[in-house]
C-alpha cells in the first residue's frame, strides 16, 4: 500500500465531509419537497371535504325546500277538497230547501183546490 500523508488524508476527510453535508442537504431538500407535497395534498383534501359538506348542505336545503312546497300543495289540495265538500253540502241543503218549499206550495195548492171544490159543492 502507498503511504498517505496528512494533507491527502485531510483532503479526503474534507471531501467526505462535503459529500455528507451535500447528501444531508439533498435529503433535507427532498423532505421539504415531500412535506410541501404532503401539505398540498392535505389542503386539497380539506378543500374537497369542505366542498362535499357544502354540497350536502345545499342538497339538504333543496330537499327541505321541495318538501315544504309539497306540504304546501297538499294543504292547498285539502283546502280545495274541504271547499268542494262544503259547496256540495250547501248545494244539497239548498236543493232540500227548494223541495220543501215546492212541497209546501203543492200542499197549499192542494188545500186551495180542495177548499174550492168543497165550497163549490156546498154552494151548489
PDB file of N, CA and C in Angstrom:
ATOM      1  N   UNK A   1       0.818  -1.168   0.000  1.00  0.00           N
ATOM      2  CA  UNK A   1       0.000   0.000   0.000  1.00  0.00           C
ATOM      3  C   UNK A   1       0.873   1.245   0.000  1.00  0.00           C
ATOM      4  N   UNK A   2       0.316   2.300  -0.608  1.00  0.00           N
ATOM      5  CA  UNK A   2       1.068   3.537  -0.684  1.00  0.00           C
ATOM      6  C   UNK A   2       0.890   4.317   0.605  1.00  0.00           C
ATOM      7  N   UNK A   3       1.957   4.974   1.001  1.00  0.00           N
ATOM      8  CA  UNK A   3       1.814   5.773   2.218  1.00  0.00           C
ATOM      9  C   UNK A   3       0.928   7.000   1.955  1.00  0.00           C
ATOM     10  N   UNK A   4       0.107   7.366   2.904  1.00  0.00           N
ATOM     11  CA  UNK A   4      -0.803   8.501   2.787  1.00  0.00           C
ATOM     12  C   UNK A   4      -0.283   9.582   3.704  1.00  0.00           C
ATOM     13  N   UNK A   5      -0.128  10.779   3.156  1.00  0.00           N
ATOM     14  CA  UNK A   5       0.343  11.843   4.029  1.00  0.00           C
ATOM     15  C   UNK A   5      -0.856  12.535   4.670  1.00  0.00           C
ATOM     16  N   UNK A   6      -0.600  13.404   5.583  1.00  0.00           N
ATOM     17  CA  UNK A   6      -1.645  14.075   6.361  1.00  0.00           C
ATOM     18  C   UNK A   6      -2.534  14.969   5.516  1.00  0.00           C
ATOM     19  N   UNK A   7      -1.895  15.640   4.510  1.00  0.00           N
ATOM     20  CA  UNK A   7      -2.706  16.534   3.684  1.00  0.00           C
ATOM     21  C   UNK A   7      -3.694  15.756   2.835  1.00  0.00           C
ATOM     22  N   UNK A   8      -3.246  14.676   2.297  1.00  0.00           N
ATOM     23  CA  UNK A   8      -4.146  13.863   1.484  1.00  0.00           C
ATOM     24  C   UNK A   8      -5.299  13.347   2.348  1.00  0.00           C
ATOM     25  N   UNK A   9      -4.956  12.947   3.551  1.00  0.00           N
ATOM     26  CA  UNK A   9      -5.968  12.444   4.468  1.00  0.00           C
ATOM     27  C   UNK A   9      -6.975  13.546   4.809  1.00  0.00           C
ATOM     28  N   UNK A  10      -6.472  14.742   5.051  1.00  0.00           N
ATOM     29  CA  UNK A  10      -7.352  15.874   5.345  1.00  0.00           C
ATOM     30  C   UNK A  10      -8.233  16.184   4.143  1.00  0.00           C
ATOM     31  N   UNK A  11      -7.631  16.127   2.936  1.00  0.00           N
ATOM     32  CA  UNK A  11      -8.417  16.389   1.723  1.00  0.00           C
ATOM     33  C   UNK A  11      -9.532  15.353   1.557  1.00  0.00           C
ATOM     34  N   UNK A  12      -9.193  14.112   1.801  1.00  0.00           N
ATOM     35  CA  UNK A  12     -10.194  13.041   1.681  1.00  0.00           C
ATOM     36  C   UNK A  12     -11.271  13.236   2.738  1.00  0.00           C
ATOM     37  N   UNK A  13     -10.840  13.537   3.977  1.00  0.00           N
ATOM     38  CA  UNK A  13     -11.815  13.768   5.051  1.00  0.00           C
ATOM     39  C   UNK A  13     -12.707  14.970   4.715  1.00  0.00           C
ATOM     40  N   UNK A  14     -12.087  16.030   4.192  1.00  0.00           N
ATOM     41  CA  UNK A  14     -12.856  17.220   3.807  1.00  0.00           C
ATOM     42  C   UNK A  14     -13.843  16.902   2.691  1.00  0.00           C
ATOM     43  N   UNK A  15     -13.383  16.118   1.714  1.00  0.00           N
ATOM     44  CA  UNK A  15     -14.268  15.714   0.612  1.00  0.00           C
ATOM     45  C   UNK A  15     -15.433  14.874   1.126  1.00  0.00           C
ATOM     46  N   UNK A  16     -15.110  13.971   2.045  1.00  0.00           N
ATOM     47  CA  UNK A  16     -16.157  13.122   2.627  1.00  0.00           C
ATOM     48  C   UNK A  16     -17.150  13.971   3.421  1.00  0.00           C
ATOM     49  N   UNK A  17     -16.610  14.943   4.147  1.00  0.00           N
ATOM     50  CA  UNK A  17     -17.473  15.811   4.938  1.00  0.00           C
ATOM     51  C   UNK A  17     -18.383  16.635   4.025  1.00  0.00           C
ATOM     52  N   UNK A  18     -17.786  17.170   2.934  1.00  0.00           N
ATOM     53  CA  UNK A  18     -18.596  17.927   1.972  1.00  0.00           C
ATOM     54  C   UNK A  18     -19.678  17.041   1.357  1.00  0.00           C
ATOM     55  N   UNK A  19     -19.286  15.814   1.025  1.00  0.00           N
ATOM     56  CA  UNK A  19     -20.236  14.879   0.428  1.00  0.00           C
ATOM     57  C   UNK A  19     -21.368  14.571   1.401  1.00  0.00           C
ATOM     58  N   UNK A  20     -21.016  14.340   2.668  1.00  0.00           N
ATOM     59  CA  UNK A  20     -22.047  14.057   3.677  1.00  0.00           C
ATOM     60  C   UNK A  20     -22.968  15.258   3.855  1.00  0.00           C
ATOM     61  N   UNK A  21     -22.363  16.470   3.866  1.00  0.00           N
ATOM     62  CA  UNK A  21     -23.175  17.676   4.018  1.00  0.00           C
ATOM     63  C   UNK A  21     -24.109  17.835   2.823  1.00  0.00           C
ATOM     64  N   UNK A  22     -23.570  17.560   1.624  1.00  0.00           N
ATOM     65  CA  UNK A  22     -24.395  17.676   0.415  1.00  0.00           C
ATOM     66  C   UNK A  22     -25.523  16.649   0.446  1.00  0.00           C
ATOM     67  N   UNK A  23     -25.203  15.434   0.851  1.00  0.00           N
ATOM     68  CA  UNK A  23     -26.236  14.400   0.955  1.00  0.00           C
ATOM     69  C   UNK A  23     -27.286  14.794   1.991  1.00  0.00           C
ATOM     70  N   UNK A  24     -26.828  15.340   3.107  1.00  0.00           N
ATOM     71  CA  UNK A  24     -27.761  15.775   4.151  1.00  0.00           C
ATOM     72  C   UNK A  24     -28.648  16.906   3.629  1.00  0.00           C
ATOM     73  N   UNK A  25     -28.021  17.851   2.898  1.00  0.00           N
ATOM     74  CA  UNK A  25     -28.796  18.964   2.337  1.00  0.00           C
ATOM     75  C   UNK A  25     -29.791  18.449   1.302  1.00  0.00           C
ATOM     76  N   UNK A  26     -29.327  17.520   0.448  1.00  0.00           N
ATOM     77  CA  UNK A  26     -30.228  16.933  -0.549  1.00  0.00           C
ATOM     78  C   UNK A  26     -31.392  16.209   0.132  1.00  0.00           C
ATOM     79  N   UNK A  27     -31.052  15.476   1.175  1.00  0.00           N
ATOM     80  CA  UNK A  27     -32.075  14.730   1.918  1.00  0.00           C
ATOM     81  C   UNK A  27     -33.072  15.705   2.550  1.00  0.00           C
ATOM     82  N   UNK A  28     -32.537  16.775   3.151  1.00  0.00           N
ATOM     83  CA  UNK A  28     -33.405  17.789   3.761  1.00  0.00           C
ATOM     84  C   UNK A  28     -34.295  18.441   2.706  1.00  0.00           C
ATOM     85  N   UNK A  29     -33.701  18.765   1.564  1.00  0.00           N
ATOM     86  CA  UNK A  29     -34.457  19.358   0.465  1.00  0.00           C
ATOM     87  C   UNK A  29     -35.560  18.406   0.009  1.00  0.00           C
ATOM     88  N   UNK A  30     -35.193  17.127  -0.120  1.00  0.00           N
ATOM     89  CA  UNK A  30     -36.174  16.122  -0.535  1.00  0.00           C
ATOM     90  C   UNK A  30     -37.320  16.043   0.469  1.00  0.00           C
ATOM     91  N   UNK A  31     -36.986  16.054   1.755  1.00  0.00           N
ATOM     92  CA  UNK A  31     -38.028  16.003   2.789  1.00  0.00           C
ATOM     93  C   UNK A  31     -38.900  17.254   2.742  1.00  0.00           C
ATOM     94  N   UNK A  32     -38.276  18.413   2.486  1.00  0.00           N
ATOM     95  CA  UNK A  32     -39.058  19.650   2.381  1.00  0.00           C
ATOM     96  C   UNK A  32     -40.020  19.585   1.204  1.00  0.00           C
ATOM     97  N   UNK A  33     -39.524  19.116   0.058  1.00  0.00           N
ATOM     98  CA  UNK A  33     -40.381  18.983  -1.125  1.00  0.00           C
ATOM     99  C   UNK A  33     -41.491  17.986  -0.840  1.00  0.00           C
ATOM    100  N   UNK A  34     -41.102  16.871  -0.249  1.00  0.00           N
ATOM    101  CA  UNK A  34     -42.079  15.839   0.079  1.00  0.00           C
ATOM    102  C   UNK A  34     -43.108  16.378   1.074  1.00  0.00           C
ATOM    103  N   UNK A  35     -42.642  17.137   2.058  1.00  0.00           N
ATOM    104  CA  UNK A  35     -43.544  17.737   3.049  1.00  0.00           C
ATOM    105  C   UNK A  35     -44.490  18.736   2.409  1.00  0.00           C
ATOM    106  N   UNK A  36     -43.966  19.542   1.480  1.00  0.00           N
ATOM    107  CA  UNK A  36     -44.823  20.506   0.789  1.00  0.00           C
ATOM    108  C   UNK A  36     -45.898  19.784  -0.008  1.00  0.00           C
ATOM    109  N   UNK A  37     -45.488  18.725  -0.696  1.00  0.00           N
ATOM    110  CA  UNK A  37     -46.466  17.958  -1.474  1.00  0.00           C
ATOM    111  C   UNK A  37     -47.513  17.337  -0.557  1.00  0.00           C
ATOM    112  N   UNK A  38     -47.057  16.827   0.578  1.00  0.00           N
ATOM    113  CA  UNK A  38     -47.981  16.218   1.536  1.00  0.00           C
ATOM    114  C   UNK A  38     -48.948  17.273   2.087  1.00  0.00           C
ATOM    115  N   UNK A  39     -48.406  18.452   2.423  1.00  0.00           N
ATOM    116  CA  UNK A  39     -49.262  19.530   2.924  1.00  0.00           C
ATOM    117  C   UNK A  39     -50.253  19.979   1.845  1.00  0.00           C
ATOM    118  N   UNK A  40     -49.775  20.024   0.598  1.00  0.00           N
ATOM    119  CA  UNK A  40     -50.646  20.415  -0.511  1.00  0.00           C
ATOM    120  C   UNK A  40     -51.774  19.394  -0.688  1.00  0.00           C
ATOM    121  N   UNK A  41     -51.418  18.096  -0.608  1.00  0.00           N
ATOM    122  CA  UNK A  41     -52.434  17.044  -0.712  1.00  0.00           C
ATOM    123  C   UNK A  41     -53.449  17.176   0.421  1.00  0.00           C
ATOM    124  N   UNK A  42     -52.942  17.416   1.636  1.00  0.00           N
ATOM    125  CA  UNK A  42     -53.820  17.551   2.797  1.00  0.00           C
ATOM    126  C   UNK A  42     -54.759  18.749   2.630  1.00  0.00           C
ATOM    127  N   UNK A  43     -54.199  19.862   2.156  1.00  0.00           N
ATOM    128  CA  UNK A  43     -55.008  21.063   1.941  1.00  0.00           C
ATOM    129  C   UNK A  43     -56.081  20.802   0.884  1.00  0.00           C
ATOM    130  N   UNK A  44     -55.692  20.139  -0.214  1.00  0.00           N
ATOM    131  CA  UNK A  44     -56.659  19.808  -1.265  1.00  0.00           C
ATOM    132  C   UNK A  44     -57.756  18.894  -0.740  1.00  0.00           C
ATOM    133  N   UNK A  45     -57.368  17.950   0.119  1.00  0.00           N
ATOM    134  CA  UNK A  45     -58.354  17.041   0.716  1.00  0.00           C
ATOM    135  C   UNK A  45     -59.320  17.822   1.606  1.00  0.00           C
ATOM    136  N   UNK A  46     -58.780  18.747   2.393  1.00  0.00           N
ATOM    137  CA  UNK A  46     -59.638  19.563   3.248  1.00  0.00           C
ATOM    138  C   UNK A  46     -60.596  20.409   2.413  1.00  0.00           C
ATOM    139  N   UNK A  47     -60.099  20.968   1.318  1.00  0.00           N
ATOM    140  CA  UNK A  47     -60.961  21.759   0.430  1.00  0.00           C
ATOM    141  C   UNK A  47     -62.062  20.874  -0.154  1.00  0.00           C
ATOM    142  N   UNK A  48     -61.675  19.675  -0.603  1.00  0.00           N
ATOM    143  CA  UNK A  48     -62.667  18.748  -1.173  1.00  0.00           C
ATOM    144  C   UNK A  48     -63.703  18.362  -0.123  1.00  0.00           C
ATOM    145  N   UNK A  49     -63.240  18.088   1.108  1.00  0.00           N
ATOM    146  CA  UNK A  49     -64.173  17.745   2.186  1.00  0.00           C
ATOM    147  C   UNK A  49     -65.134  18.899   2.455  1.00  0.00           C
ATOM    148  N   UNK A  50     -64.589  20.105   2.468  1.00  0.00           N
ATOM    149  CA  UNK A  50     -65.418  21.290   2.710  1.00  0.00           C
ATOM    150  C   UNK A  50     -66.460  21.439   1.603  1.00  0.00           C
ATOM    151  N   UNK A  51     -66.030  21.239   0.360  1.00  0.00           N
ATOM    152  CA  UNK A  51     -66.967  21.339  -0.761  1.00  0.00           C
ATOM    153  C   UNK A  51     -68.032  20.258  -0.666  1.00  0.00           C
ATOM    154  N   UNK A  52     -67.617  19.066  -0.246  1.00  0.00           N
ATOM    155  CA  UNK A  52     -68.578  17.975  -0.085  1.00  0.00           C
ATOM    156  C   UNK A  52     -69.623  18.354   0.956  1.00  0.00           C
ATOM    157  N   UNK A  53     -69.179  18.862   2.112  1.00  0.00           N
ATOM    158  CA  UNK A  53     -70.121  19.260   3.160  1.00  0.00           C
ATOM    159  C   UNK A  53     -71.017  20.393   2.672  1.00  0.00           C
ATOM    160  N   UNK A  54     -70.426  21.312   1.916  1.00  0.00           N
ATOM    161  CA  UNK A  54     -71.215  22.423   1.377  1.00  0.00           C
ATOM    162  C   UNK A  54     -72.285  21.887   0.430  1.00  0.00           C
ATOM    163  N   UNK A  55     -71.893  20.944  -0.437  1.00  0.00           N
ATOM    164  CA  UNK A  55     -72.849  20.362  -1.384  1.00  0.00           C
ATOM    165  C   UNK A  55     -73.929  19.583  -0.654  1.00  0.00           C
ATOM    166  N   UNK A  56     -73.528  18.845   0.385  1.00  0.00           N
ATOM    167  CA  UNK A  56     -74.506  18.088   1.169  1.00  0.00           C
ATOM    168  C   UNK A  56     -75.498  19.053   1.802  1.00  0.00           C
ATOM    169  N   UNK A  57     -74.971  20.144   2.371  1.00  0.00           N
ATOM    170  CA  UNK A  57     -75.853  21.139   2.979  1.00  0.00           C
ATOM    171  C   UNK A  57     -76.796  21.754   1.963  1.00  0.00           C
ATOM    172  N   UNK A  58     -76.270  22.070   0.789  1.00  0.00           N
ATOM    173  CA  UNK A  58     -77.098  22.671  -0.260  1.00  0.00           C
ATOM    174  C   UNK A  58     -78.166  21.675  -0.707  1.00  0.00           C
ATOM    175  N   UNK A  59     -77.768  20.410  -0.886  1.00  0.00           N
ATOM    176  CA  UNK A  59     -78.747  19.396  -1.298  1.00  0.00           C
ATOM    177  C   UNK A  59     -79.826  19.227  -0.232  1.00  0.00           C
ATOM    178  N   UNK A  60     -79.412  19.261   1.042  1.00  0.00           N
ATOM    179  CA  UNK A  60     -80.387  19.119   2.118  1.00  0.00           C
ATOM    180  C   UNK A  60     -81.346  20.312   2.136  1.00  0.00           C
ATOM    181  N   UNK A  61     -80.812  21.511   1.912  1.00  0.00           N
ATOM    182  CA  UNK A  61     -81.673  22.697   1.841  1.00  0.00           C
ATOM    183  C   UNK A  61     -82.652  22.576   0.678  1.00  0.00           C
ATOM    184  N   UNK A  62     -82.168  22.108  -0.471  1.00  0.00           N
ATOM    185  CA  UNK A  62     -83.050  21.940  -1.632  1.00  0.00           C
ATOM    186  C   UNK A  62     -84.126  20.902  -1.336  1.00  0.00           C
ATOM    187  N   UNK A  63     -83.731  19.815  -0.680  1.00  0.00           N
ATOM    188  CA  UNK A  63     -84.683  18.755  -0.336  1.00  0.00           C
ATOM    189  C   UNK A  63     -85.746  19.298   0.619  1.00  0.00           C
ATOM    190  N   UNK A  64     -85.291  20.049   1.635  1.00  0.00           N
ATOM    191  CA  UNK A  64     -86.237  20.631   2.582  1.00  0.00           C
ATOM    192  C   UNK A  64     -87.173  21.613   1.887  1.00  0.00           C
ATOM    193  N   UNK A  65     -86.640  22.361   0.945  1.00  0.00           N
ATOM    194  CA  UNK A  65     -87.470  23.311   0.195  1.00  0.00           C
ATOM    195  C   UNK A  65     -88.529  22.566  -0.610  1.00  0.00           C
ATOM    196  N   UNK A  66     -88.107  21.483  -1.279  1.00  0.00           N
ATOM    197  CA  UNK A  66     -89.075  20.693  -2.059  1.00  0.00           C
ATOM    198  C   UNK A  66     -90.141  20.079  -1.151  1.00  0.00           C
ATOM    199  N   UNK A  67     -89.722  19.597   0.027  1.00  0.00           N
ATOM    200  CA  UNK A  67     -90.686  19.020   0.964  1.00  0.00           C
ATOM    201  C   UNK A  67     -91.677  20.077   1.446  1.00  0.00           C
ATOM    202  N   UNK A  68     -91.185  21.287   1.704  1.00  0.00           N
ATOM    203  CA  UNK A  68     -92.074  22.369   2.141  1.00  0.00           C
ATOM    204  C   UNK A  68     -93.080  22.708   1.043  1.00  0.00           C
ATOM    205  N   UNK A  69     -92.609  22.744  -0.200  1.00  0.00           N
ATOM    206  CA  UNK A  69     -93.511  23.029  -1.325  1.00  0.00           C
ATOM    207  C   UNK A  69     -94.560  21.927  -1.449  1.00  0.00           C
ATOM    208  N   UNK A  70     -94.109  20.663  -1.310  1.00  0.00           N
ATOM    209  CA  UNK A  70     -95.054  19.547  -1.397  1.00  0.00           C
ATOM    210  C   UNK A  70     -96.093  19.637  -0.278  1.00  0.00           C
ATOM    211  N   UNK A  71     -95.652  19.978   0.932  1.00  0.00           N
ATOM    212  CA  UNK A  71     -96.580  20.098   2.057  1.00  0.00           C
ATOM    213  C   UNK A  71     -97.586  21.216   1.801  1.00  0.00           C
ATOM    214  N   UNK A  72     -97.100  22.338   1.279  1.00  0.00           N
ATOM    215  CA  UNK A  72     -97.987  23.465   0.963  1.00  0.00           C
ATOM    216  C   UNK A  72     -99.028  23.054  -0.072  1.00  0.00           C
ATOM    217  N   UNK A  73     -98.587  22.349  -1.109  1.00  0.00           N
ATOM    218  CA  UNK A  73     -99.529  21.896  -2.142  1.00  0.00           C
ATOM    219  C   UNK A  73    -100.562  20.936  -1.560  1.00  0.00           C
ATOM    220  N   UNK A  74    -100.099  20.061  -0.662  1.00  0.00           N
ATOM    221  CA  UNK A  74    -101.024  19.134  -0.018  1.00  0.00           C
ATOM    222  C   UNK A  74    -102.080  19.872   0.793  1.00  0.00           C
ATOM    223  N   UNK A  75    -101.642  20.902   1.529  1.00  0.00           N
ATOM    224  CA  UNK A  75    -102.600  21.696   2.303  1.00  0.00           C
ATOM    225  C   UNK A  75    -103.593  22.392   1.377  1.00  0.00           C
ATOM    226  N   UNK A  76    -103.089  22.919   0.263  1.00  0.00           N
ATOM    227  CA  UNK A  76    -103.979  23.587  -0.690  1.00  0.00           C
ATOM    228  C   UNK A  76    -104.991  22.602  -1.268  1.00  0.00           C
ATOM    229  N   UNK A  77    -104.522  21.377  -1.590  1.00  0.00           N
ATOM    230  CA  UNK A  77    -105.437  20.364  -2.126  1.00  0.00           C
ATOM    231  C   UNK A  77    -106.502  20.003  -1.094  1.00  0.00           C
ATOM    232  N   UNK A  78    -106.055  19.841   0.168  1.00  0.00           N
ATOM    233  CA  UNK A  78    -107.030  19.515   1.214  1.00  0.00           C
ATOM    234  C   UNK A  78    -108.031  20.657   1.390  1.00  0.00           C
ATOM    235  N   UNK A  79    -107.535  21.893   1.325  1.00  0.00           N
ATOM    236  CA  UNK A  79    -108.431  23.048   1.450  1.00  0.00           C
ATOM    237  C   UNK A  79    -109.419  23.066   0.293  1.00  0.00           C
ATOM    238  N   UNK A  80    -108.931  22.774  -0.914  1.00  0.00           N
ATOM    239  CA  UNK A  80    -109.835  22.712  -2.068  1.00  0.00           C
ATOM    240  C   UNK A  80    -110.869  21.616  -1.870  1.00  0.00           C
ATOM    241  N   UNK A  81    -110.410  20.468  -1.368  1.00  0.00           N
ATOM    242  CA  UNK A  81    -111.336  19.368  -1.105  1.00  0.00           C
ATOM    243  C   UNK A  81    -112.365  19.775  -0.067  1.00  0.00           C
ATOM    244  N   UNK A  82    -111.921  20.478   0.968  1.00  0.00           N
ATOM    245  CA  UNK A  82    -112.833  20.938   2.011  1.00  0.00           C
ATOM    246  C   UNK A  82    -113.839  21.926   1.429  1.00  0.00           C
ATOM    247  N   UNK A  83    -113.359  22.844   0.599  1.00  0.00           N
ATOM    248  CA  UNK A  83    -114.270  23.801  -0.049  1.00  0.00           C
ATOM    249  C   UNK A  83    -115.269  23.076  -0.941  1.00  0.00           C
ATOM    250  N   UNK A  84    -114.798  22.087  -1.685  1.00  0.00           N
ATOM    251  CA  UNK A  84    -115.695  21.327  -2.553  1.00  0.00           C
ATOM    252  C   UNK A  84    -116.749  20.596  -1.722  1.00  0.00           C
ATOM    253  N   UNK A  85    -116.308  20.008  -0.602  1.00  0.00           N
ATOM    254  CA  UNK A  85    -117.262  19.308   0.261  1.00  0.00           C
ATOM    255  C   UNK A  85    -118.283  20.289   0.834  1.00  0.00           C
ATOM    256  N   UNK A  86    -117.792  21.459   1.276  1.00  0.00           N
ATOM    257  CA  UNK A  86    -118.691  22.473   1.826  1.00  0.00           C
ATOM    258  C   UNK A  86    -119.689  22.926   0.766  1.00  0.00           C
ATOM    259  N   UNK A  87    -119.178  23.181  -0.430  1.00  0.00           N
ATOM    260  CA  UNK A  87    -120.074  23.596  -1.517  1.00  0.00           C
ATOM    261  C   UNK A  87    -121.088  22.509  -1.837  1.00  0.00           C
ATOM    262  N   UNK A  88    -120.640  21.270  -1.794  1.00  0.00           N
ATOM    263  CA  UNK A  88    -121.549  20.155  -2.060  1.00  0.00           C
ATOM    264  C   UNK A  88    -122.644  20.090  -0.988  1.00  0.00           C
ATOM    265  N   UNK A  89    -122.243  20.253   0.285  1.00  0.00           N
ATOM    266  CA  UNK A  89    -123.235  20.233   1.374  1.00  0.00           C
ATOM    267  C   UNK A  89    -124.215  21.405   1.242  1.00  0.00           C
ATOM    268  N   UNK A  90    -123.673  22.591   0.918  1.00  0.00           N
ATOM    269  CA  UNK A  90    -124.550  23.756   0.739  1.00  0.00           C
ATOM    270  C   UNK A  90    -125.521  23.536  -0.413  1.00  0.00           C
ATOM    271  N   UNK A  91    -125.022  22.945  -1.489  1.00  0.00           N
ATOM    272  CA  UNK A  91    -125.880  22.664  -2.635  1.00  0.00           C
ATOM    273  C   UNK A  91    -126.985  21.684  -2.248  1.00  0.00           C
ATOM    274  N   UNK A  92    -126.628  20.653  -1.481  1.00  0.00           N
ATOM    275  CA  UNK A  92    -127.626  19.674  -1.041  1.00  0.00           C
ATOM    276  C   UNK A  92    -128.661  20.340  -0.135  1.00  0.00           C
ATOM    277  N   UNK A  93    -128.199  21.216   0.775  1.00  0.00           N
ATOM    278  CA  UNK A  93    -129.131  21.920   1.657  1.00  0.00           C
ATOM    279  C   UNK A  93    -130.080  22.809   0.848  1.00  0.00           C
ATOM    280  N   UNK A  94    -129.528  23.486  -0.144  1.00  0.00           N
ATOM    281  CA  UNK A  94    -130.340  24.358  -0.989  1.00  0.00           C
ATOM    282  C   UNK A  94    -131.382  23.546  -1.750  1.00  0.00           C
ATOM    283  N   UNK A  95    -130.960  22.422  -2.289  1.00  0.00           N
ATOM    284  CA  UNK A  95    -131.886  21.551  -3.031  1.00  0.00           C
ATOM    285  C   UNK A  95    -132.998  21.049  -2.109  1.00  0.00           C
ATOM    286  N   UNK A  96    -132.626  20.664  -0.887  1.00  0.00           N
ATOM    287  CA  UNK A  96    -133.612  20.180   0.078  1.00  0.00           C
ATOM    288  C   UNK A  96    -134.602  21.296   0.430  1.00  0.00           C
ATOM    289  N   UNK A  97    -134.076  22.528   0.603  1.00  0.00           N
ATOM    290  CA  UNK A  97    -134.956  23.665   0.922  1.00  0.00           C
ATOM    291  C   UNK A  97    -135.911  23.936  -0.235  1.00  0.00           C
ATOM    292  N   UNK A  98    -135.427  23.852  -1.460  1.00  0.00           N
ATOM    293  CA  UNK A  98    -136.298  24.055  -2.628  1.00  0.00           C
ATOM    294  C   UNK A  98    -137.404  23.004  -2.672  1.00  0.00           C
ATOM    295  N   UNK A  99    -137.028  21.771  -2.424  1.00  0.00           N
ATOM    296  CA  UNK A  99    -138.021  20.685  -2.443  1.00  0.00           C
ATOM    297  C   UNK A  99    -139.073  20.901  -1.362  1.00  0.00           C
ATOM    298  N   UNK A 100    -138.628  21.331  -0.172  1.00  0.00           N
ATOM    299  CA  UNK A 100    -139.585  21.595   0.907  1.00  0.00           C
ATOM    300  C   UNK A 100    -140.544  22.712   0.515  1.00  0.00           C
ATOM    301  N   UNK A 101    -139.989  23.784  -0.058  1.00  0.00           N
ATOM    302  CA  UNK A 101    -140.859  24.889  -0.496  1.00  0.00           C
ATOM    303  C   UNK A 101    -141.860  24.406  -1.542  1.00  0.00           C
ATOM    304  N   UNK A 102    -141.369  23.602  -2.488  1.00  0.00           N
ATOM    305  CA  UNK A 102    -142.282  23.065  -3.505  1.00  0.00           C
ATOM    306  C   UNK A 102    -143.368  22.212  -2.866  1.00  0.00           C
ATOM    307  N   UNK A 103    -142.979  21.401  -1.884  1.00  0.00           N
ATOM    308  CA  UNK A 103    -143.965  20.561  -1.201  1.00  0.00           C
ATOM    309  C   UNK A 103    -144.983  21.423  -0.464  1.00  0.00           C
ATOM    310  N   UNK A 104    -144.496  22.495   0.159  1.00  0.00           N
ATOM    311  CA  UNK A 104    -145.417  23.389   0.870  1.00  0.00           C
ATOM    312  C   UNK A 104    -146.366  24.040  -0.123  1.00  0.00           C
ATOM    313  N   UNK A 105    -145.801  24.530  -1.231  1.00  0.00           N
ATOM    314  CA  UNK A 105    -146.637  25.179  -2.250  1.00  0.00           C
ATOM    315  C   UNK A 105    -147.642  24.191  -2.819  1.00  0.00           C
ATOM    316  N   UNK A 106    -147.176  22.969  -3.101  1.00  0.00           N
ATOM    317  CA  UNK A 106    -148.099  21.947  -3.623  1.00  0.00           C
ATOM    318  C   UNK A 106    -149.183  21.641  -2.600  1.00  0.00           C
ATOM    319  N   UNK A 107    -148.759  21.584  -1.320  1.00  0.00           N
ATOM    320  CA  UNK A 107    -149.756  21.338  -0.258  1.00  0.00           C
ATOM    321  C   UNK A 107    -150.760  22.467  -0.191  1.00  0.00           C
ATOM    322  N   UNK A 108    -150.281  23.706  -0.302  1.00  0.00           N
ATOM    323  CA  UNK A 108    -151.191  24.853  -0.274  1.00  0.00           C
ATOM    324  C   UNK A 108    -152.120  24.815  -1.484  1.00  0.00           C
ATOM    325  N   UNK A 109    -151.546  24.514  -2.641  1.00  0.00           N
ATOM    326  CA  UNK A 109    -152.371  24.424  -3.854  1.00  0.00           C
ATOM    327  C   UNK A 109    -153.429  23.333  -3.701  1.00  0.00           C
ATOM    328  N   UNK A 110    -152.997  22.198  -3.172  1.00  0.00           N
ATOM    329  CA  UNK A 110    -153.933  21.090  -2.978  1.00  0.00           C
ATOM    330  C   UNK A 110    -155.044  21.516  -2.019  1.00  0.00           C
ATOM    331  N   UNK A 111    -154.653  22.206  -0.947  1.00  0.00           N
ATOM    332  CA  UNK A 111    -155.632  22.665   0.036  1.00  0.00           C
ATOM    333  C   UNK A 111    -156.587  23.677  -0.603  1.00  0.00           C
ATOM    334  N   UNK A 112    -156.060  24.585  -1.401  1.00  0.00           N
ATOM    335  CA  UNK A 112    -156.907  25.580  -2.063  1.00  0.00           C
ATOM    336  C   UNK A 112    -157.874  24.906  -3.027  1.00  0.00           C
ATOM    337  N   UNK A 113    -157.355  23.900  -3.740  1.00  0.00           N
ATOM    338  CA  UNK A 113    -158.222  23.180  -4.683  1.00  0.00           C
ATOM    339  C   UNK A 113    -159.330  22.470  -3.920  1.00  0.00           C
ATOM    340  N   UNK A 114    -158.981  21.806  -2.811  1.00  0.00           N
ATOM    341  CA  UNK A 114    -159.996  21.111  -2.014  1.00  0.00           C
ATOM    342  C   UNK A 114    -161.024  22.108  -1.472  1.00  0.00           C
ATOM    343  N   UNK A 115    -160.500  23.246  -0.994  1.00  0.00           N
ATOM    344  CA  UNK A 115    -161.403  24.269  -0.457  1.00  0.00           C
ATOM    345  C   UNK A 115    -162.333  24.773  -1.559  1.00  0.00           C
ATOM    346  N   UNK A 116    -161.777  24.988  -2.731  1.00  0.00           N
ATOM    347  CA  UNK A 116    -162.581  25.459  -3.855  1.00  0.00           C
ATOM    348  C   UNK A 116    -163.689  24.458  -4.178  1.00  0.00           C
ATOM    349  N   UNK A 117    -163.315  23.173  -4.306  1.00  0.00           N
ATOM    350  CA  UNK A 117    -164.319  22.176  -4.659  1.00  0.00           C
ATOM    351  C   UNK A 117    -165.327  21.974  -3.532  1.00  0.00           C
ATOM    352  N   UNK A 118    -164.846  22.079  -2.296  1.00  0.00           N
ATOM    353  CA  UNK A 118    -165.773  21.939  -1.168  1.00  0.00           C
ATOM    354  C   UNK A 118    -166.762  23.103  -1.185  1.00  0.00           C
ATOM    355  N   UNK A 119    -166.259  24.305  -1.391  1.00  0.00           N
ATOM    356  CA  UNK A 119    -167.138  25.479  -1.425  1.00  0.00           C
ATOM    357  C   UNK A 119    -168.096  25.377  -2.607  1.00  0.00           C
ATOM    358  N   UNK A 120    -167.641  24.909  -3.695  1.00  0.00           N
ATOM    359  CA  UNK A 120    -168.478  24.775  -4.879  1.00  0.00           C
ATOM    360  C   UNK A 120    -169.579  23.748  -4.636  1.00  0.00           C
ATOM    361  N   UNK A 121    -169.170  22.651  -3.967  1.00  0.00           N
ATOM    362  CA  UNK A 121    -170.150  21.609  -3.686  1.00  0.00           C
ATOM    363  C   UNK A 121    -171.198  22.144  -2.712  1.00  0.00           C
ATOM    364  N   UNK A 122    -170.752  22.886  -1.730  1.00  0.00           N
ATOM    365  CA  UNK A 122    -171.676  23.411  -0.726  1.00  0.00           C
ATOM    366  C   UNK A 122    -172.616  24.435  -1.372  1.00  0.00           C
ATOM    367  N   UNK A 123    -172.096  25.239  -2.242  1.00  0.00           N
ATOM    368  CA  UNK A 123    -172.901  26.275  -2.871  1.00  0.00           C
ATOM    369  C   UNK A 123    -173.875  25.688  -3.890  1.00  0.00           C
ATOM    370  N   UNK A 124    -173.605  24.584  -4.411  1.00  0.00           N
ATOM    371  CA  UNK A 124    -174.496  24.002  -5.414  1.00  0.00           C
ATOM    372  C   UNK A 124    -175.641  23.371  -4.754  1.00  0.00           C
TER     373      UNK A 124
END
